[in-house]
Amino acid sequence: VGQYTAIIHDLISQNWVIPPSARNGMTAIVELRTTPVGEIGNYRVIQGSGNSAFYQSVLQAVASNGNLQELRNLPHDIYEPNFRIFRLQFQPEDLLR
């Protein structure tokens, strides 16, 4: 589960353009709802740092990804409790690693 979560985080981060107003220490936690074939249905920021440009940039990165094909190969008993609805955390320093 951790490995797939990291892969998904990295895929979304590839599309992420951090706005100039973002600062280290900011956090955006995004909740994603997916389908077993990897489609991202709904997503929303459930916790942000009060900087709308920052969390809008995260939402745009999720929207740009569109599909998480990696979920297609997961067994139902792994997918359903862990990836039907799950959360990812984004911080500006994530892209500096």
N, C-alpha and C. Protein backbone atom coordinates (compact mmCIF):
# COMPACT_ATOMS: atom_id res chain seq x y z
N VAL A 1 0.83 -1.18 0.00
CA VAL A 1 0.00 0.00 0.00
C VAL A 1 0.88 1.26 0.00
N GLY A 2 1.89 1.25 0.84
CA GLY A 2 2.79 2.40 0.90
C GLY A 2 3.50 2.65 -0.42
N GLN A 3 3.90 1.57 -1.08
CA GLN A 3 4.59 1.70 -2.36
C GLN A 3 3.67 2.31 -3.42
N TYR A 4 2.43 1.85 -3.49
CA TYR A 4 1.48 2.39 -4.46
C TYR A 4 1.14 3.85 -4.13
N THR A 5 0.99 4.16 -2.87
CA THR A 5 0.71 5.54 -2.47
C THR A 5 1.85 6.46 -2.90
N ALA A 6 3.08 6.01 -2.71
CA ALA A 6 4.25 6.81 -3.11
C ALA A 6 4.28 6.99 -4.63
N ILE A 7 3.97 5.95 -5.38
CA ILE A 7 3.95 6.03 -6.84
C ILE A 7 2.90 7.05 -7.29
N ILE A 8 1.72 7.00 -6.71
CA ILE A 8 0.64 7.92 -7.07
C ILE A 8 1.04 9.36 -6.71
N HIS A 9 1.61 9.54 -5.53
CA HIS A 9 2.07 10.87 -5.12
C HIS A 9 3.09 11.40 -6.13
N ASP A 10 4.03 10.56 -6.53
CA ASP A 10 5.05 10.98 -7.49
C ASP A 10 4.45 11.31 -8.85
N LEU A 11 3.47 10.53 -9.30
CA LEU A 11 2.82 10.80 -10.59
C LEU A 11 2.14 12.16 -10.58
N ILE A 12 1.42 12.44 -9.51
CA ILE A 12 0.72 13.73 -9.41
C ILE A 12 1.74 14.86 -9.29
N SER A 13 2.81 14.63 -8.53
CA SER A 13 3.83 15.67 -8.35
C SER A 13 4.50 16.07 -9.66
N GLN A 14 4.55 15.16 -10.62
CA GLN A 14 5.15 15.47 -11.92
C GLN A 14 4.39 16.59 -12.63
N ASN A 15 3.10 16.74 -12.34
CA ASN A 15 2.25 17.76 -12.96
C ASN A 15 2.09 19.00 -12.08
N TRP A 16 2.75 19.02 -10.94
CA TRP A 16 2.54 20.06 -9.96
C TRP A 16 3.47 21.24 -10.20
N VAL A 17 2.88 22.41 -10.36
CA VAL A 17 3.63 23.65 -10.48
C VAL A 17 3.35 24.46 -9.22
N ILE A 18 4.35 24.56 -8.39
CA ILE A 18 4.18 25.26 -7.12
C ILE A 18 4.15 26.77 -7.38
N PRO A 19 3.14 27.45 -6.85
CA PRO A 19 3.06 28.91 -7.07
C PRO A 19 4.14 29.65 -6.29
N PRO A 20 4.51 30.83 -6.75
CA PRO A 20 5.55 31.62 -6.07
C PRO A 20 5.22 31.95 -4.62
N SER A 21 3.95 31.99 -4.27
CA SER A 21 3.56 32.34 -2.90
C SER A 21 3.73 31.19 -1.91
N ALA A 22 4.02 29.98 -2.41
CA ALA A 22 4.17 28.82 -1.52
C ALA A 22 5.47 28.93 -0.73
N ARG A 23 5.40 28.48 0.49
CA ARG A 23 6.56 28.50 1.38
C ARG A 23 6.73 27.13 2.03
N ASN A 24 7.97 26.81 2.39
CA ASN A 24 8.22 25.57 3.12
C ASN A 24 7.36 25.56 4.37
N GLY A 25 6.85 24.40 4.71
CA GLY A 25 6.00 24.26 5.88
C GLY A 25 4.52 24.26 5.55
N MET A 26 4.16 24.74 4.34
CA MET A 26 2.75 24.69 3.93
C MET A 26 2.39 23.24 3.62
N THR A 27 1.12 22.92 3.83
CA THR A 27 0.65 21.57 3.58
C THR A 27 -0.72 21.63 2.93
N ALA A 28 -0.94 20.72 2.00
CA ALA A 28 -2.27 20.51 1.43
C ALA A 28 -2.53 19.00 1.46
N ILE A 29 -3.58 18.61 2.14
CA ILE A 29 -3.98 17.21 2.15
C ILE A 29 -5.19 17.08 1.25
N VAL A 30 -5.05 16.22 0.25
CA VAL A 30 -6.09 16.03 -0.76
C VAL A 30 -6.71 14.65 -0.57
N GLU A 31 -8.04 14.62 -0.60
CA GLU A 31 -8.77 13.37 -0.56
C GLU A 31 -9.21 13.03 -1.99
N LEU A 32 -8.87 11.84 -2.44
CA LEU A 32 -9.23 11.37 -3.78
C LEU A 32 -10.20 10.21 -3.68
N ARG A 33 -11.15 10.19 -4.59
CA ARG A 33 -12.07 9.06 -4.73
C ARG A 33 -11.83 8.50 -6.11
N THR A 34 -11.51 7.21 -6.16
CA THR A 34 -11.14 6.59 -7.43
C THR A 34 -12.05 5.41 -7.75
N THR A 35 -11.92 4.93 -8.98
CA THR A 35 -12.61 3.71 -9.40
C THR A 35 -11.56 2.61 -9.54
N PRO A 36 -11.99 1.35 -9.56
CA PRO A 36 -11.03 0.24 -9.67
C PRO A 36 -10.19 0.27 -10.95
N VAL A 37 -10.64 0.99 -11.97
CA VAL A 37 -9.85 1.08 -13.20
C VAL A 37 -8.93 2.30 -13.19
N GLY A 38 -8.87 3.01 -12.06
CA GLY A 38 -7.92 4.09 -11.90
C GLY A 38 -8.43 5.48 -12.21
N GLU A 39 -9.69 5.61 -12.54
CA GLU A 39 -10.23 6.95 -12.80
C GLU A 39 -10.35 7.72 -11.49
N ILE A 40 -10.00 8.99 -11.55
CA ILE A 40 -10.16 9.85 -10.38
C ILE A 40 -11.53 10.51 -10.51
N GLY A 41 -12.43 10.14 -9.60
CA GLY A 41 -13.77 10.70 -9.63
C GLY A 41 -13.80 12.09 -9.02
N ASN A 42 -13.81 12.15 -7.73
CA ASN A 42 -13.83 13.42 -7.01
C ASN A 42 -12.53 13.58 -6.23
N TYR A 43 -12.18 14.81 -6.02
CA TYR A 43 -11.01 15.11 -5.19
C TYR A 43 -11.22 16.49 -4.60
N ARG A 44 -10.66 16.68 -3.41
CA ARG A 44 -10.82 17.96 -2.73
C ARG A 44 -9.73 18.11 -1.68
N VAL A 45 -9.42 19.34 -1.38
CA VAL A 45 -8.48 19.62 -0.29
C VAL A 45 -9.27 19.53 1.01
N ILE A 46 -8.80 18.70 1.91
CA ILE A 46 -9.48 18.57 3.20
C ILE A 46 -8.73 19.31 4.30
N GLN A 47 -7.47 19.66 4.02
CA GLN A 47 -6.70 20.48 4.96
C GLN A 47 -5.70 21.28 4.16
N GLY A 48 -5.69 22.57 4.37
CA GLY A 48 -4.75 23.43 3.67
C GLY A 48 -4.07 24.37 4.63
N SER A 49 -3.15 25.14 4.09
CA SER A 49 -2.38 26.07 4.91
C SER A 49 -2.88 27.50 4.78
N GLY A 50 -4.06 27.69 4.23
CA GLY A 50 -4.61 29.02 4.12
C GLY A 50 -4.16 29.80 2.90
N ASN A 51 -3.39 29.17 2.02
CA ASN A 51 -2.92 29.82 0.81
C ASN A 51 -3.65 29.18 -0.37
N SER A 52 -4.67 29.86 -0.88
CA SER A 52 -5.50 29.24 -1.92
C SER A 52 -4.72 28.94 -3.19
N ALA A 53 -3.74 29.77 -3.54
CA ALA A 53 -2.94 29.49 -4.74
C ALA A 53 -2.17 28.18 -4.58
N PHE A 54 -1.70 27.93 -3.38
CA PHE A 54 -0.97 26.69 -3.11
C PHE A 54 -1.86 25.47 -3.28
N TYR A 55 -3.01 25.45 -2.60
CA TYR A 55 -3.81 24.25 -2.71
C TYR A 55 -4.52 24.14 -4.05
N GLN A 56 -4.77 25.26 -4.73
CA GLN A 56 -5.32 25.18 -6.09
C GLN A 56 -4.30 24.55 -7.03
N SER A 57 -3.01 24.81 -6.79
CA SER A 57 -1.98 24.20 -7.63
C SER A 57 -1.96 22.68 -7.45
N VAL A 58 -2.21 22.23 -6.23
CA VAL A 58 -2.27 20.78 -5.98
C VAL A 58 -3.48 20.18 -6.69
N LEU A 59 -4.62 20.85 -6.58
CA LEU A 59 -5.83 20.35 -7.26
C LEU A 59 -5.63 20.30 -8.77
N GLN A 60 -4.95 21.29 -9.32
CA GLN A 60 -4.67 21.29 -10.76
C GLN A 60 -3.77 20.12 -11.15
N ALA A 61 -2.81 19.80 -10.30
CA ALA A 61 -1.93 18.66 -10.57
C ALA A 61 -2.71 17.35 -10.57
N VAL A 62 -3.66 17.21 -9.64
CA VAL A 62 -4.51 16.01 -9.62
C VAL A 62 -5.34 15.95 -10.89
N ALA A 63 -5.95 17.07 -11.26
CA ALA A 63 -6.80 17.12 -12.46
C ALA A 63 -5.99 16.81 -13.71
N SER A 64 -4.75 17.24 -13.77
CA SER A 64 -3.91 17.00 -14.94
C SER A 64 -3.55 15.53 -15.09
N ASN A 65 -3.54 14.81 -13.98
CA ASN A 65 -3.18 13.40 -14.03
C ASN A 65 -4.29 12.57 -14.65
N GLY A 66 -5.51 12.81 -14.22
CA GLY A 66 -6.67 12.16 -14.83
C GLY A 66 -6.90 10.71 -14.50
N ASN A 67 -5.88 9.87 -14.65
CA ASN A 67 -6.07 8.44 -14.47
C ASN A 67 -4.87 7.85 -13.75
N LEU A 68 -5.14 6.96 -12.84
CA LEU A 68 -4.10 6.28 -12.08
C LEU A 68 -4.09 4.81 -12.49
N GLN A 69 -3.48 4.52 -13.61
CA GLN A 69 -3.48 3.17 -14.17
C GLN A 69 -2.91 2.13 -13.22
N GLU A 70 -2.06 2.56 -12.30
CA GLU A 70 -1.44 1.64 -11.35
C GLU A 70 -2.48 0.94 -10.49
N LEU A 71 -3.64 1.54 -10.31
CA LEU A 71 -4.69 0.93 -9.48
C LEU A 71 -5.37 -0.25 -10.16
N ARG A 72 -5.28 -0.31 -11.47
CA ARG A 72 -5.97 -1.37 -12.23
C ARG A 72 -5.52 -2.77 -11.85
N ASN A 73 -4.29 -2.92 -11.44
CA ASN A 73 -3.74 -4.25 -11.17
C ASN A 73 -3.85 -4.67 -9.72
N LEU A 74 -4.40 -3.80 -8.90
CA LEU A 74 -4.51 -4.14 -7.48
C LEU A 74 -5.65 -5.13 -7.23
N PRO A 75 -5.41 -6.12 -6.38
CA PRO A 75 -6.50 -7.01 -5.98
C PRO A 75 -7.58 -6.21 -5.25
N HIS A 76 -8.81 -6.65 -5.39
CA HIS A 76 -9.95 -5.95 -4.78
C HIS A 76 -9.76 -5.74 -3.28
N ASP A 77 -9.23 -6.76 -2.59
CA ASP A 77 -9.09 -6.65 -1.13
C ASP A 77 -8.00 -5.65 -0.72
N ILE A 78 -7.14 -5.25 -1.64
CA ILE A 78 -6.17 -4.20 -1.37
C ILE A 78 -6.72 -2.84 -1.81
N TYR A 79 -7.31 -2.82 -3.01
CA TYR A 79 -7.83 -1.57 -3.55
C TYR A 79 -8.93 -0.97 -2.67
N GLU A 80 -9.95 -1.75 -2.39
CA GLU A 80 -11.16 -1.22 -1.75
C GLU A 80 -10.90 -0.51 -0.43
N PRO A 81 -10.19 -1.10 0.53
CA PRO A 81 -10.02 -0.38 1.81
C PRO A 81 -8.94 0.72 1.77
N ASN A 82 -8.08 0.69 0.76
CA ASN A 82 -6.95 1.61 0.76
C ASN A 82 -6.97 2.69 -0.31
N PHE A 83 -7.65 2.43 -1.44
CA PHE A 83 -7.56 3.37 -2.55
C PHE A 83 -8.90 3.82 -3.13
N ARG A 84 -9.99 3.28 -2.69
CA ARG A 84 -11.30 3.79 -3.13
C ARG A 84 -11.41 5.26 -2.73
N ILE A 85 -11.10 5.52 -1.47
CA ILE A 85 -10.99 6.88 -0.95
C ILE A 85 -9.68 6.92 -0.17
N PHE A 86 -8.79 7.81 -0.57
CA PHE A 86 -7.53 7.91 0.15
C PHE A 86 -7.02 9.34 0.12
N ARG A 87 -6.01 9.60 0.92
CA ARG A 87 -5.49 10.96 1.08
C ARG A 87 -4.01 11.01 0.76
N LEU A 88 -3.63 12.12 0.17
CA LEU A 88 -2.22 12.39 -0.11
C LEU A 88 -1.87 13.76 0.47
N GLN A 89 -0.67 13.88 0.96
CA GLN A 89 -0.19 15.14 1.51
C GLN A 89 0.86 15.73 0.58
N PHE A 90 0.74 17.03 0.33
CA PHE A 90 1.69 17.73 -0.53
C PHE A 90 2.26 18.91 0.24
N GLN A 91 3.58 19.07 0.11
CA GLN A 91 4.30 20.18 0.71
C GLN A 91 5.27 20.72 -0.33
N PRO A 92 5.52 22.03 -0.36
CA PRO A 92 6.43 22.58 -1.37
C PRO A 92 7.79 21.91 -1.38
N GLU A 93 8.28 21.53 -0.23
CA GLU A 93 9.59 20.89 -0.18
C GLU A 93 9.62 19.50 -0.80
N ASP A 94 8.44 18.91 -1.08
CA ASP A 94 8.38 17.60 -1.74
C ASP A 94 9.10 17.62 -3.08
N LEU A 95 9.02 18.72 -3.81
CA LEU A 95 9.62 18.78 -5.14
C LEU A 95 11.11 19.07 -5.10
N LEU A 96 11.64 19.37 -3.93
CA LEU A 96 13.07 19.67 -3.82
C LEU A 96 13.90 18.42 -3.55
N ARG A 97 13.26 17.30 -3.31
CA ARG A 97 13.99 16.07 -2.98
C ARG A 97 14.49 15.39 -4.23
